[in-house]
Structure formats: structure tokens, C-alpha cells
Amino acid sequence: MGLFEVKVKLANMSSLGRSEEVSLLVDTGATISRIPRSTLQKLDIKPISTLPFSLADGRTLERETSAVLLTIDGRKGAVPVAFGEPGEESVLGATALETLGLRVDPVGQKLLPRNLLALLRI
């Protein structure tokens, strides 16, 4: 798949006036999005958990996590994020894409809207 970046708006869910626009690399192999710690601190977003992450080379590392209000092309949702450390790529992960009802067009290098799936028992 071709790599591409998208512009997103991040906001503190308890203070929506605190927002920041950033570019993130679309990474469907990442479970949750990774945002630079400095950006999250600027928005006064505090860590709420620490979770383990597996790397492609087999190593495991831990990162603090929280949640932000993320907006892409008018679609908004509360998504989990990991606090990125210096030297780590900022990425938009699969959970954010699923939450916002977006799919990846790797050829056109863009995100496309899609309907969310639901189970309805009658």
C-alpha cells in the first residue's frame, strides 16, 4: 500500500476550544493513532493508561495512552491515542478509521467515507 498523510484536527474533549491541526501518516497496521507527546501536552491531554505495543521486529514497548476528539473531513469521534516520543512517526491508526467510518484508497491516496456496520435482531 502506498503511504500518504492526511490533515486532522485534534481537540481536548473536556475543552473543545483547545484544538490543533496536524498531519498524520495513514497506517492501517497500527491499532491506535500515535500523536507527539508535545502536541497532546499542548492540548492539556493527560495520560489515562499505559499499554504494551508490539513492533514489527518482535520487540515490545509501552506507551501512555489517552483519548482525543479527532475530526477528518467533518467526521468527528472520540479516539484512543498513544503518546508518541521524539523520533517516532505520527500515525493515524485503524481504530480511528473504524470509529469515523473511513476506508483507505491506497491508489488515490485518500480516505473515503463508508457506512458503519451494525447487527439488528428482529
PDB file of N, CA and C in Angstrom:
ATOM      1  N   MET A   1       0.844  -1.174   0.000  1.00  0.00           N
ATOM      2  CA  MET A   1       0.000   0.000   0.000  1.00  0.00           C
ATOM      3  C   MET A   1       0.885   1.230   0.000  1.00  0.00           C
ATOM      4  N   GLY A   2       0.499   2.244  -0.748  1.00  0.00           N
ATOM      5  CA  GLY A   2       1.239   3.495  -0.754  1.00  0.00           C
ATOM      6  C   GLY A   2       1.028   4.256   0.545  1.00  0.00           C
ATOM      7  N   LEU A   3       2.051   4.943   0.971  1.00  0.00           N
ATOM      8  CA  LEU A   3       1.955   5.732   2.189  1.00  0.00           C
ATOM      9  C   LEU A   3       1.512   7.148   1.841  1.00  0.00           C
ATOM     10  N   PHE A   4       0.637   7.707   2.682  1.00  0.00           N
ATOM     11  CA  PHE A   4       0.222   9.087   2.482  1.00  0.00           C
ATOM     12  C   PHE A   4      -0.201   9.686   3.818  1.00  0.00           C
ATOM     13  N   GLU A   5      -0.222  11.003   3.851  1.00  0.00           N
ATOM     14  CA  GLU A   5      -0.600  11.721   5.059  1.00  0.00           C
ATOM     15  C   GLU A   5      -1.944  12.410   4.872  1.00  0.00           C
ATOM     16  N   VAL A   6      -2.632  12.617   5.983  1.00  0.00           N
ATOM     17  CA  VAL A   6      -3.890  13.371   5.982  1.00  0.00           C
ATOM     18  C   VAL A   6      -3.831  14.417   7.093  1.00  0.00           C
ATOM     19  N   LYS A   7      -4.520  15.519   6.868  1.00  0.00           N
ATOM     20  CA  LYS A   7      -4.630  16.552   7.894  1.00  0.00           C
ATOM     21  C   LYS A   7      -5.833  16.223   8.770  1.00  0.00           C
ATOM     22  N   VAL A   8      -5.623  16.301  10.079  1.00  0.00           N
ATOM     23  CA  VAL A   8      -6.693  16.048  11.030  1.00  0.00           C
ATOM     24  C   VAL A   8      -6.717  17.165  12.060  1.00  0.00           C
ATOM     25  N   LYS A   9      -7.850  17.313  12.703  1.00  0.00           N
ATOM     26  CA  LYS A   9      -7.963  18.268  13.807  1.00  0.00           C
ATOM     27  C   LYS A   9      -8.105  17.460  15.086  1.00  0.00           C
ATOM     28  N   LEU A  10      -7.289  17.787  16.069  1.00  0.00           N
ATOM     29  CA  LEU A  10      -7.338  17.150  17.375  1.00  0.00           C
ATOM     30  C   LEU A  10      -7.873  18.157  18.378  1.00  0.00           C
ATOM     31  N   ALA A  11      -8.684  17.690  19.309  1.00  0.00           N
ATOM     32  CA  ALA A  11      -9.187  18.574  20.354  1.00  0.00           C
ATOM     33  C   ALA A  11      -9.271  17.829  21.672  1.00  0.00           C
ATOM     34  N   ASN A  12      -9.153  18.595  22.739  1.00  0.00           N
ATOM     35  CA  ASN A  12      -9.333  18.080  24.086  1.00  0.00           C
ATOM     36  C   ASN A  12     -10.837  17.950  24.305  1.00  0.00           C
ATOM     37  N   MET A  13     -11.313  16.736  24.638  1.00  0.00           N
ATOM     38  CA  MET A  13     -12.757  16.515  24.746  1.00  0.00           C
ATOM     39  C   MET A  13     -13.400  17.282  25.901  1.00  0.00           C
ATOM     40  N   SER A  14     -12.628  17.666  26.901  1.00  0.00           N
ATOM     41  CA  SER A  14     -13.208  18.425  28.004  1.00  0.00           C
ATOM     42  C   SER A  14     -13.041  19.927  27.815  1.00  0.00           C
ATOM     43  N   SER A  15     -12.369  20.317  26.738  1.00  0.00           N
ATOM     44  CA  SER A  15     -12.166  21.739  26.440  1.00  0.00           C
ATOM     45  C   SER A  15     -12.028  21.875  24.930  1.00  0.00           C
ATOM     46  N   LEU A  16     -13.157  21.845  24.229  1.00  0.00           N
ATOM     47  CA  LEU A  16     -13.152  21.780  22.763  1.00  0.00           C
ATOM     48  C   LEU A  16     -12.490  22.976  22.102  1.00  0.00           C
ATOM     49  N   GLY A  17     -12.338  24.067  22.824  1.00  0.00           N
ATOM     50  CA  GLY A  17     -11.651  25.237  22.280  1.00  0.00           C
ATOM     51  C   GLY A  17     -10.160  25.006  22.108  1.00  0.00           C
ATOM     52  N   ARG A  18      -9.637  24.004  22.791  1.00  0.00           N
ATOM     53  CA  ARG A  18      -8.218  23.669  22.663  1.00  0.00           C
ATOM     54  C   ARG A  18      -8.091  22.651  21.536  1.00  0.00           C
ATOM     55  N   SER A  19      -7.631  23.109  20.380  1.00  0.00           N
ATOM     56  CA  SER A  19      -7.506  22.212  19.228  1.00  0.00           C
ATOM     57  C   SER A  19      -6.221  22.507  18.468  1.00  0.00           C
ATOM     58  N   GLU A  20      -5.843  21.557  17.650  1.00  0.00           N
ATOM     59  CA  GLU A  20      -4.603  21.648  16.881  1.00  0.00           C
ATOM     60  C   GLU A  20      -4.797  20.858  15.590  1.00  0.00           C
ATOM     61  N   GLU A  21      -4.341  21.421  14.461  1.00  0.00           N
ATOM     62  CA  GLU A  21      -4.363  20.691  13.195  1.00  0.00           C
ATOM     63  C   GLU A  21      -2.988  20.097  12.966  1.00  0.00           C
ATOM     64  N   VAL A  22      -2.960  18.799  12.651  1.00  0.00           N
ATOM     65  CA  VAL A  22      -1.694  18.098  12.417  1.00  0.00           C
ATOM     66  C   VAL A  22      -1.824  17.185  11.197  1.00  0.00           C
ATOM     67  N   SER A  23      -0.692  16.793  10.636  1.00  0.00           N
ATOM     68  CA  SER A  23      -0.657  15.803   9.557  1.00  0.00           C
ATOM     69  C   SER A  23      -0.246  14.470  10.154  1.00  0.00           C
ATOM     70  N   LEU A  24      -0.973  13.418   9.781  1.00  0.00           N
ATOM     71  CA  LEU A  24      -0.674  12.077  10.268  1.00  0.00           C
ATOM     72  C   LEU A  24      -0.495  11.126   9.096  1.00  0.00           C
ATOM     73  N   LEU A  25       0.450  10.225   9.214  1.00  0.00           N
ATOM     74  CA  LEU A  25       0.661   9.175   8.221  1.00  0.00           C
ATOM     75  C   LEU A  25      -0.407   8.107   8.427  1.00  0.00           C
ATOM     76  N   VAL A  26      -1.129   7.746   7.382  1.00  0.00           N
ATOM     77  CA  VAL A  26      -2.157   6.718   7.480  1.00  0.00           C
ATOM     78  C   VAL A  26      -1.461   5.362   7.592  1.00  0.00           C
ATOM     79  N   ASP A  27      -1.745   4.646   8.677  1.00  0.00           N
ATOM     80  CA  ASP A  27      -1.096   3.354   8.952  1.00  0.00           C
ATOM     81  C   ASP A  27      -2.141   2.357   9.427  1.00  0.00           C
ATOM     82  N   THR A  28      -2.697   1.581   8.490  1.00  0.00           N
ATOM     83  CA  THR A  28      -3.734   0.609   8.837  1.00  0.00           C
ATOM     84  C   THR A  28      -3.177  -0.557   9.651  1.00  0.00           C
ATOM     85  N   GLY A  29      -1.861  -0.673   9.735  1.00  0.00           N
ATOM     86  CA  GLY A  29      -1.244  -1.714  10.558  1.00  0.00           C
ATOM     87  C   GLY A  29      -1.104  -1.307  12.009  1.00  0.00           C
ATOM     88  N   ALA A  30      -1.317  -0.044  12.311  1.00  0.00           N
ATOM     89  CA  ALA A  30      -1.263   0.445  13.692  1.00  0.00           C
ATOM     90  C   ALA A  30      -2.663   0.357  14.292  1.00  0.00           C
ATOM     91  N   THR A  31      -2.755  -0.185  15.488  1.00  0.00           N
ATOM     92  CA  THR A  31      -4.062  -0.305  16.125  1.00  0.00           C
ATOM     93  C   THR A  31      -4.614   1.063  16.478  1.00  0.00           C
ATOM     94  N   ILE A  32      -3.843   1.849  17.245  1.00  0.00           N
ATOM     95  CA  ILE A  32      -4.319   3.183  17.604  1.00  0.00           C
ATOM     96  C   ILE A  32      -3.365   4.244  17.063  1.00  0.00           C
ATOM     97  N   SER A  33      -3.858   5.448  16.980  1.00  0.00           N
ATOM     98  CA  SER A  33      -3.068   6.559  16.444  1.00  0.00           C
ATOM     99  C   SER A  33      -1.981   6.963  17.433  1.00  0.00           C
ATOM    100  N   ARG A  34      -0.887   7.474  16.893  1.00  0.00           N
ATOM    101  CA  ARG A  34       0.214   7.966  17.729  1.00  0.00           C
ATOM    102  C   ARG A  34       0.415   9.444  17.424  1.00  0.00           C
ATOM    103  N   ILE A  35       0.342  10.241  18.473  1.00  0.00           N
ATOM    104  CA  ILE A  35       0.442  11.695  18.377  1.00  0.00           C
ATOM    105  C   ILE A  35       1.633  12.130  19.225  1.00  0.00           C
ATOM    106  N   PRO A  36       2.431  13.081  18.748  1.00  0.00           N
ATOM    107  CA  PRO A  36       3.566  13.516  19.562  1.00  0.00           C
ATOM    108  C   PRO A  36       3.126  13.978  20.963  1.00  0.00           C
ATOM    109  N   ARG A  37       3.870  13.560  21.941  1.00  0.00           N
ATOM    110  CA  ARG A  37       3.599  13.946  23.327  1.00  0.00           C
ATOM    111  C   ARG A  37       3.466  15.465  23.443  1.00  0.00           C
ATOM    112  N   SER A  38       4.345  16.199  22.756  1.00  0.00           N
ATOM    113  CA  SER A  38       4.325  17.666  22.844  1.00  0.00           C
ATOM    114  C   SER A  38       2.993  18.238  22.364  1.00  0.00           C
ATOM    115  N   THR A  39       2.409  17.660  21.327  1.00  0.00           N
ATOM    116  CA  THR A  39       1.113  18.120  20.817  1.00  0.00           C
ATOM    117  C   THR A  39       0.010  17.839  21.825  1.00  0.00           C
ATOM    118  N   LEU A  40       0.009  16.631  22.390  1.00  0.00           N
ATOM    119  CA  LEU A  40      -1.016  16.270  23.369  1.00  0.00           C
ATOM    120  C   LEU A  40      -0.895  17.116  24.631  1.00  0.00           C
ATOM    121  N   GLN A  41       0.331  17.389  25.051  1.00  0.00           N
ATOM    122  CA  GLN A  41       0.526  18.243  26.227  1.00  0.00           C
ATOM    123  C   GLN A  41       0.046  19.665  25.963  1.00  0.00           C
ATOM    124  N   LYS A  42       0.278  20.153  24.749  1.00  0.00           N
ATOM    125  CA  LYS A  42      -0.180  21.492  24.359  1.00  0.00           C
ATOM    126  C   LYS A  42      -1.703  21.601  24.469  1.00  0.00           C
ATOM    127  N   LEU A  43      -2.391  20.477  24.190  1.00  0.00           N
ATOM    128  CA  LEU A  43      -3.851  20.430  24.279  1.00  0.00           C
ATOM    129  C   LEU A  43      -4.334  20.089  25.689  1.00  0.00           C
ATOM    130  N   ASP A  44      -3.387  19.939  26.621  1.00  0.00           N
ATOM    131  CA  ASP A  44      -3.671  19.575  28.008  1.00  0.00           C
ATOM    132  C   ASP A  44      -4.376  18.222  28.116  1.00  0.00           C
ATOM    133  N   ILE A  45      -3.963  17.286  27.272  1.00  0.00           N
ATOM    134  CA  ILE A  45      -4.490  15.922  27.322  1.00  0.00           C
ATOM    135  C   ILE A  45      -3.570  15.100  28.214  1.00  0.00           C
ATOM    136  N   LYS A  46      -4.165  14.482  29.227  1.00  0.00           N
ATOM    137  CA  LYS A  46      -3.415  13.719  30.218  1.00  0.00           C
ATOM    138  C   LYS A  46      -3.494  12.224  29.913  1.00  0.00           C
ATOM    139  N   PRO A  47      -2.404  11.500  30.176  1.00  0.00           N
ATOM    140  CA  PRO A  47      -2.449  10.043  30.014  1.00  0.00           C
ATOM    141  C   PRO A  47      -3.445   9.424  30.988  1.00  0.00           C
ATOM    142  N   ILE A  48      -4.148   8.384  30.540  1.00  0.00           N
ATOM    143  CA  ILE A  48      -5.073   7.678  31.422  1.00  0.00           C
ATOM    144  C   ILE A  48      -4.686   6.218  31.604  1.00  0.00           C
ATOM    145  N   SER A  49      -3.756   5.744  30.783  1.00  0.00           N
ATOM    146  CA  SER A  49      -3.351   4.342  30.864  1.00  0.00           C
ATOM    147  C   SER A  49      -1.976   4.182  30.233  1.00  0.00           C
ATOM    148  N   THR A  50      -1.349   3.052  30.486  1.00  0.00           N
ATOM    149  CA  THR A  50      -0.128   2.660  29.798  1.00  0.00           C
ATOM    150  C   THR A  50      -0.369   1.277  29.216  1.00  0.00           C
ATOM    151  N   LEU A  51      -0.120   1.126  27.905  1.00  0.00           N
ATOM    152  CA  LEU A  51      -0.400  -0.138  27.216  1.00  0.00           C
ATOM    153  C   LEU A  51       0.839  -0.646  26.491  1.00  0.00           C
ATOM    154  N   PRO A  52       0.950  -1.989  26.327  1.00  0.00           N
ATOM    155  CA  PRO A  52       2.063  -2.554  25.567  1.00  0.00           C
ATOM    156  C   PRO A  52       1.764  -2.530  24.064  1.00  0.00           C
ATOM    157  N   PHE A  53       2.803  -2.298  23.273  1.00  0.00           N
ATOM    158  CA  PHE A  53       2.703  -2.306  21.814  1.00  0.00           C
ATOM    159  C   PHE A  53       3.751  -3.254  21.254  1.00  0.00           C
ATOM    160  N   SER A  54       3.372  -4.075  20.294  1.00  0.00           N
ATOM    161  CA  SER A  54       4.304  -4.977  19.617  1.00  0.00           C
ATOM    162  C   SER A  54       4.820  -4.300  18.357  1.00  0.00           C
ATOM    163  N   LEU A  55       6.125  -4.381  18.149  1.00  0.00           N
ATOM    164  CA  LEU A  55       6.749  -3.814  16.955  1.00  0.00           C
ATOM    165  C   LEU A  55       6.963  -4.905  15.919  1.00  0.00           C
ATOM    166  N   ALA A  56       7.145  -4.515  14.669  1.00  0.00           N
ATOM    167  CA  ALA A  56       7.327  -5.462  13.573  1.00  0.00           C
ATOM    168  C   ALA A  56       8.541  -6.365  13.780  1.00  0.00           C
ATOM    169  N   ASP A  57       9.560  -5.876  14.487  1.00  0.00           N
ATOM    170  CA  ASP A  57      10.768  -6.680  14.706  1.00  0.00           C
ATOM    171  C   ASP A  57      10.653  -7.593  15.925  1.00  0.00           C
ATOM    172  N   GLY A  58       9.467  -7.654  16.535  1.00  0.00           N
ATOM    173  CA  GLY A  58       9.246  -8.554  17.661  1.00  0.00           C
ATOM    174  C   GLY A  58       9.409  -7.910  19.031  1.00  0.00           C
ATOM    175  N   ARG A  59       9.988  -6.724  19.085  1.00  0.00           N
ATOM    176  CA  ARG A  59      10.143  -6.049  20.376  1.00  0.00           C
ATOM    177  C   ARG A  59       8.788  -5.541  20.868  1.00  0.00           C
ATOM    178  N   THR A  60       8.723  -5.331  22.177  1.00  0.00           N
ATOM    179  CA  THR A  60       7.539  -4.754  22.801  1.00  0.00           C
ATOM    180  C   THR A  60       7.952  -3.488  23.521  1.00  0.00           C
ATOM    181  N   LEU A  61       7.107  -2.465  23.436  1.00  0.00           N
ATOM    182  CA  LEU A  61       7.353  -1.249  24.199  1.00  0.00           C
ATOM    183  C   LEU A  61       6.048  -0.793  24.815  1.00  0.00           C
ATOM    184  N   GLU A  62       6.140   0.053  25.813  1.00  0.00           N
ATOM    185  CA  GLU A  62       4.949   0.584  26.459  1.00  0.00           C
ATOM    186  C   GLU A  62       4.827   2.067  26.157  1.00  0.00           C
ATOM    187  N   ARG A  63       3.591   2.517  25.964  1.00  0.00           N
ATOM    188  CA  ARG A  63       3.326   3.925  25.722  1.00  0.00           C
ATOM    189  C   ARG A  63       2.102   4.337  26.531  1.00  0.00           C
ATOM    190  N   GLU A  64       2.141   5.572  27.014  1.00  0.00           N
ATOM    191  CA  GLU A  64       0.969   6.120  27.677  1.00  0.00           C
ATOM    192  C   GLU A  64      -0.102   6.372  26.622  1.00  0.00           C
ATOM    193  N   THR A  65      -1.363   6.252  27.035  1.00  0.00           N
ATOM    194  CA  THR A  65      -2.476   6.441  26.111  1.00  0.00           C
ATOM    195  C   THR A  65      -3.536   7.347  26.736  1.00  0.00           C
ATOM    196  N   SER A  66      -4.376   7.887  25.884  1.00  0.00           N
ATOM    197  CA  SER A  66      -5.492   8.723  26.302  1.00  0.00           C
ATOM    198  C   SER A  66      -6.514   8.713  25.167  1.00  0.00           C
ATOM    199  N   ALA A  67      -7.356   9.739  25.124  1.00  0.00           N
ATOM    200  CA  ALA A  67      -8.338   9.861  24.047  1.00  0.00           C
ATOM    201  C   ALA A  67      -8.441  11.331  23.644  1.00  0.00           C
ATOM    202  N   VAL A  68      -8.741  11.552  22.371  1.00  0.00           N
ATOM    203  CA  VAL A  68      -8.929  12.904  21.838  1.00  0.00           C
ATOM    204  C   VAL A  68     -10.182  12.921  20.966  1.00  0.00           C
ATOM    205  N   LEU A  69     -10.679  14.117  20.717  1.00  0.00           N
ATOM    206  CA  LEU A  69     -11.720  14.288  19.717  1.00  0.00           C
ATOM    207  C   LEU A  69     -10.988  14.526  18.402  1.00  0.00           C
ATOM    208  N   LEU A  70     -11.163  13.636  17.448  1.00  0.00           N
ATOM    209  CA  LEU A  70     -10.464  13.720  16.171  1.00  0.00           C
ATOM    210  C   LEU A  70     -11.464  14.021  15.071  1.00  0.00           C
ATOM    211  N   THR A  71     -11.136  14.983  14.213  1.00  0.00           N
ATOM    212  CA  THR A  71     -12.017  15.360  13.101  1.00  0.00           C
ATOM    213  C   THR A  71     -11.265  15.229  11.786  1.00  0.00           C
ATOM    214  N   ILE A  72     -11.897  14.526  10.839  1.00  0.00           N
ATOM    215  CA  ILE A  72     -11.378  14.402   9.474  1.00  0.00           C
ATOM    216  C   ILE A  72     -12.554  14.623   8.531  1.00  0.00           C
ATOM    217  N   ASP A  73     -12.429  15.582   7.624  1.00  0.00           N
ATOM    218  CA  ASP A  73     -13.469  15.849   6.623  1.00  0.00           C
ATOM    219  C   ASP A  73     -14.866  15.940   7.239  1.00  0.00           C
ATOM    220  N   GLY A  74     -14.981  16.597   8.375  1.00  0.00           N
ATOM    221  CA  GLY A  74     -16.270  16.796   9.015  1.00  0.00           C
ATOM    222  C   GLY A  74     -16.754  15.648   9.880  1.00  0.00           C
ATOM    223  N   ARG A  75     -16.076  14.523   9.831  1.00  0.00           N
ATOM    224  CA  ARG A  75     -16.445  13.386  10.681  1.00  0.00           C
ATOM    225  C   ARG A  75     -15.675  13.496  11.986  1.00  0.00           C
ATOM    226  N   LYS A  76     -16.408  13.396  13.109  1.00  0.00           N
ATOM    227  CA  LYS A  76     -15.793  13.563  14.420  1.00  0.00           C
ATOM    228  C   LYS A  76     -16.019  12.324  15.265  1.00  0.00           C
ATOM    229  N   GLY A  77     -15.042  12.040  16.126  1.00  0.00           N
ATOM    230  CA  GLY A  77     -15.207  10.936  17.055  1.00  0.00           C
ATOM    231  C   GLY A  77     -14.143  10.951  18.121  1.00  0.00           C
ATOM    232  N   ALA A  78     -14.476  10.345  19.246  1.00  0.00           N
ATOM    233  CA  ALA A  78     -13.515  10.174  20.334  1.00  0.00           C
ATOM    234  C   ALA A  78     -12.672   8.945  20.003  1.00  0.00           C
ATOM    235  N   VAL A  79     -11.371   9.136  19.883  1.00  0.00           N
ATOM    236  CA  VAL A  79     -10.492   8.018  19.509  1.00  0.00           C
ATOM    237  C   VAL A  79      -9.332   7.897  20.496  1.00  0.00           C
ATOM    238  N   PRO A  80      -8.900   6.655  20.738  1.00  0.00           N
ATOM    239  CA  PRO A  80      -7.735   6.458  21.597  1.00  0.00           C
ATOM    240  C   PRO A  80      -6.463   6.865  20.861  1.00  0.00           C
ATOM    241  N   VAL A  81      -5.506   7.390  21.610  1.00  0.00           N
ATOM    242  CA  VAL A  81      -4.215   7.769  21.037  1.00  0.00           C
ATOM    243  C   VAL A  81      -3.095   7.357  21.981  1.00  0.00           C
ATOM    244  N   ALA A  82      -1.934   7.108  21.395  1.00  0.00           N
ATOM    245  CA  ALA A  82      -0.721   6.841  22.172  1.00  0.00           C
ATOM    246  C   ALA A  82       0.136   8.087  22.143  1.00  0.00           C
ATOM    247  N   PHE A  83       0.827   8.341  23.242  1.00  0.00           N
ATOM    248  CA  PHE A  83       1.748   9.473  23.329  1.00  0.00           C
ATOM    249  C   PHE A  83       3.037   9.096  22.606  1.00  0.00           C
ATOM    250  N   GLY A  84       3.295   9.743  21.482  1.00  0.00           N
ATOM    251  CA  GLY A  84       4.500   9.483  20.702  1.00  0.00           C
ATOM    252  C   GLY A  84       5.714  10.167  21.303  1.00  0.00           C
ATOM    253  N   GLU A  85       6.831   9.496  21.246  1.00  0.00           N
ATOM    254  CA  GLU A  85       8.085  10.030  21.772  1.00  0.00           C
ATOM    255  C   GLU A  85       8.921  10.598  20.619  1.00  0.00           C
ATOM    256  N   PRO A  86       9.904  11.449  20.925  1.00  0.00           N
ATOM    257  CA  PRO A  86      10.739  12.030  19.870  1.00  0.00           C
ATOM    258  C   PRO A  86      11.318  10.955  18.939  1.00  0.00           C
ATOM    259  N   GLY A  87      11.248  11.228  17.639  1.00  0.00           N
ATOM    260  CA  GLY A  87      11.757  10.290  16.642  1.00  0.00           C
ATOM    261  C   GLY A  87      10.727   9.298  16.141  1.00  0.00           C
ATOM    262  N   GLU A  88       9.570   9.227  16.788  1.00  0.00           N
ATOM    263  CA  GLU A  88       8.524   8.302  16.351  1.00  0.00           C
ATOM    264  C   GLU A  88       7.574   8.999  15.385  1.00  0.00           C
ATOM    265  N   GLU A  89       7.174   8.278  14.365  1.00  0.00           N
ATOM    266  CA  GLU A  89       6.261   8.810  13.344  1.00  0.00           C
ATOM    267  C   GLU A  89       4.875   9.054  13.938  1.00  0.00           C
ATOM    268  N   SER A  90       4.239  10.133  13.544  1.00  0.00           N
ATOM    269  CA  SER A  90       2.855  10.412  13.924  1.00  0.00           C
ATOM    270  C   SER A  90       1.957   9.667  12.952  1.00  0.00           C
ATOM    271  N   VAL A  91       1.061   8.818  13.476  1.00  0.00           N
ATOM    272  CA  VAL A  91       0.251   7.975  12.597  1.00  0.00           C
ATOM    273  C   VAL A  91      -1.232   8.018  12.954  1.00  0.00           C
ATOM    274  N   LEU A  92      -2.038   7.796  11.944  1.00  0.00           N
ATOM    275  CA  LEU A  92      -3.478   7.622  12.081  1.00  0.00           C
ATOM    276  C   LEU A  92      -3.727   6.126  11.980  1.00  0.00           C
ATOM    277  N   GLY A  93      -4.169   5.517  13.068  1.00  0.00           N
ATOM    278  CA  GLY A  93      -4.329   4.073  13.124  1.00  0.00           C
ATOM    279  C   GLY A  93      -5.720   3.577  12.747  1.00  0.00           C
ATOM    280  N   ALA A  94      -5.845   2.248  12.722  1.00  0.00           N
ATOM    281  CA  ALA A  94      -7.069   1.587  12.280  1.00  0.00           C
ATOM    282  C   ALA A  94      -8.278   1.892  13.158  1.00  0.00           C
ATOM    283  N   THR A  95      -8.075   2.024  14.466  1.00  0.00           N
ATOM    284  CA  THR A  95      -9.200   2.299  15.358  1.00  0.00           C
ATOM    285  C   THR A  95      -9.866   3.629  15.016  1.00  0.00           C
ATOM    286  N   ALA A  96      -9.072   4.650  14.730  1.00  0.00           N
ATOM    287  CA  ALA A  96      -9.635   5.954  14.349  1.00  0.00           C
ATOM    288  C   ALA A  96     -10.398   5.839  13.035  1.00  0.00           C
ATOM    289  N   LEU A  97      -9.834   5.111  12.078  1.00  0.00           N
ATOM    290  CA  LEU A  97     -10.509   4.940  10.787  1.00  0.00           C
ATOM    291  C   LEU A  97     -11.850   4.239  10.967  1.00  0.00           C
ATOM    292  N   GLU A  98     -11.873   3.189  11.785  1.00  0.00           N
ATOM    293  CA  GLU A  98     -13.117   2.452  12.043  1.00  0.00           C
ATOM    294  C   GLU A  98     -14.129   3.338  12.763  1.00  0.00           C
ATOM    295  N   THR A  99     -13.672   4.061  13.777  1.00  0.00           N
ATOM    296  CA  THR A  99     -14.559   4.918  14.569  1.00  0.00           C
ATOM    297  C   THR A  99     -15.235   5.977  13.709  1.00  0.00           C
ATOM    298  N   LEU A 100     -14.480   6.556  12.787  1.00  0.00           N
ATOM    299  CA  LEU A 100     -15.017   7.641  11.953  1.00  0.00           C
ATOM    300  C   LEU A 100     -15.699   7.144  10.677  1.00  0.00           C
ATOM    301  N   GLY A 101     -15.698   5.836  10.438  1.00  0.00           N
ATOM    302  CA  GLY A 101     -16.327   5.314   9.231  1.00  0.00           C
ATOM    303  C   GLY A 101     -15.592   5.727   7.976  1.00  0.00           C
ATOM    304  N   LEU A 102     -14.266   5.487   7.984  1.00  0.00           N
ATOM    305  CA  LEU A 102     -13.442   5.824   6.831  1.00  0.00           C
ATOM    306  C   LEU A 102     -12.714   4.584   6.329  1.00  0.00           C
ATOM    307  N   ARG A 103     -12.506   4.532   5.041  1.00  0.00           N
ATOM    308  CA  ARG A 103     -11.695   3.460   4.457  1.00  0.00           C
ATOM    309  C   ARG A 103     -10.578   4.086   3.647  1.00  0.00           C
ATOM    310  N   VAL A 104      -9.537   3.308   3.396  1.00  0.00           N
ATOM    311  CA  VAL A 104      -8.351   3.811   2.714  1.00  0.00           C
ATOM    312  C   VAL A 104      -8.411   3.484   1.227  1.00  0.00           C
ATOM    313  N   ASP A 105      -8.188   4.485   0.398  1.00  0.00           N
ATOM    314  CA  ASP A 105      -7.999   4.305  -1.043  1.00  0.00           C
ATOM    315  C   ASP A 105      -6.505   4.465  -1.293  1.00  0.00           C
ATOM    316  N   PRO A 106      -5.752   3.339  -1.354  1.00  0.00           N
ATOM    317  CA  PRO A 106      -4.297   3.440  -1.487  1.00  0.00           C
ATOM    318  C   PRO A 106      -3.842   3.965  -2.840  1.00  0.00           C
ATOM    319  N   VAL A 107      -4.623   3.731  -3.885  1.00  0.00           N
ATOM    320  CA  VAL A 107      -4.255   4.203  -5.221  1.00  0.00           C
ATOM    321  C   VAL A 107      -4.445   5.718  -5.310  1.00  0.00           C
ATOM    322  N   GLY A 108      -5.597   6.196  -4.862  1.00  0.00           N
ATOM    323  CA  GLY A 108      -5.887   7.620  -4.886  1.00  0.00           C
ATOM    324  C   GLY A 108      -5.252   8.364  -3.719  1.00  0.00           C
ATOM    325  N   GLN A 109      -4.669   7.623  -2.794  1.00  0.00           N
ATOM    326  CA  GLN A 109      -4.035   8.169  -1.595  1.00  0.00           C
ATOM    327  C   GLN A 109      -4.953   9.146  -0.873  1.00  0.00           C
ATOM    328  N   LYS A 110      -6.130   8.613  -0.500  1.00  0.00           N
ATOM    329  CA  LYS A 110      -7.094   9.418   0.235  1.00  0.00           C
ATOM    330  C   LYS A 110      -7.979   8.514   1.087  1.00  0.00           C
ATOM    331  N   LEU A 111      -8.707   9.142   1.981  1.00  0.00           N
ATOM    332  CA  LEU A 111      -9.671   8.431   2.809  1.00  0.00           C
ATOM    333  C   LEU A 111     -11.060   8.650   2.234  1.00  0.00           C
ATOM    334  N   LEU A 112     -11.860   7.593   2.240  1.00  0.00           N
ATOM    335  CA  LEU A 112     -13.214   7.658   1.699  1.00  0.00           C
ATOM    336  C   LEU A 112     -14.221   7.285   2.779  1.00  0.00           C
ATOM    337  N   PRO A 113     -15.388   7.934   2.794  1.00  0.00           N
ATOM    338  CA  PRO A 113     -16.404   7.580   3.783  1.00  0.00           C
ATOM    339  C   PRO A 113     -16.996   6.208   3.486  1.00  0.00           C
ATOM    340  N   ARG A 114     -17.411   5.547   4.533  1.00  0.00           N
ATOM    341  CA  ARG A 114     -18.120   4.277   4.398  1.00  0.00           C
ATOM    342  C   ARG A 114     -19.129   4.190   5.526  1.00  0.00           C
ATOM    343  N   ASN A 115     -20.125   3.361   5.344  1.00  0.00           N
ATOM    344  CA  ASN A 115     -21.112   3.147   6.394  1.00  0.00           C
ATOM    345  C   ASN A 115     -20.534   2.239   7.460  1.00  0.00           C
ATOM    346  N   LEU A 116     -20.902   2.491   8.702  1.00  0.00           N
ATOM    347  CA  LEU A 116     -20.531   1.601   9.791  1.00  0.00           C
ATOM    348  C   LEU A 116     -21.432   0.382   9.730  1.00  0.00           C
ATOM    349  N   LEU A 117     -20.988  -0.706  10.306  1.00  0.00           N
ATOM    350  CA  LEU A 117     -21.767  -1.946  10.304  1.00  0.00           C
ATOM    351  C   LEU A 117     -22.486  -2.101  11.627  1.00  0.00           C
ATOM    352  N   ALA A 118     -23.694  -2.641  11.577  1.00  0.00           N
ATOM    353  CA  ALA A 118     -24.473  -2.854  12.792  1.00  0.00           C
ATOM    354  C   ALA A 118     -25.243  -4.159  12.684  1.00  0.00           C
ATOM    355  N   LEU A 119     -25.463  -4.793  13.828  1.00  0.00           N
ATOM    356  CA  LEU A 119     -26.270  -6.010  13.910  1.00  0.00           C
ATOM    357  C   LEU A 119     -27.645  -5.607  14.410  1.00  0.00           C
ATOM    358  N   LEU A 120     -28.677  -6.047  13.720  1.00  0.00           N
ATOM    359  CA  LEU A 120     -30.037  -5.740  14.126  1.00  0.00           C
ATOM    360  C   LEU A 120     -30.793  -7.050  14.236  1.00  0.00           C
ATOM    361  N   ARG A 121     -31.243  -7.358  15.446  1.00  0.00           N
ATOM    362  CA  ARG A 121     -32.055  -8.572  15.659  1.00  0.00           C
ATOM    363  C   ARG A 121     -33.505  -8.162  15.741  1.00  0.00           C
ATOM    364  N   ILE A 122     -34.306  -8.877  15.007  1.00  0.00           N
ATOM    365  CA  ILE A 122     -35.742  -8.558  14.998  1.00  0.00           C
ATOM    366  C   ILE A 122     -36.505  -9.597  15.780  1.00  0.00           C
TER     367      ILE A 122
END
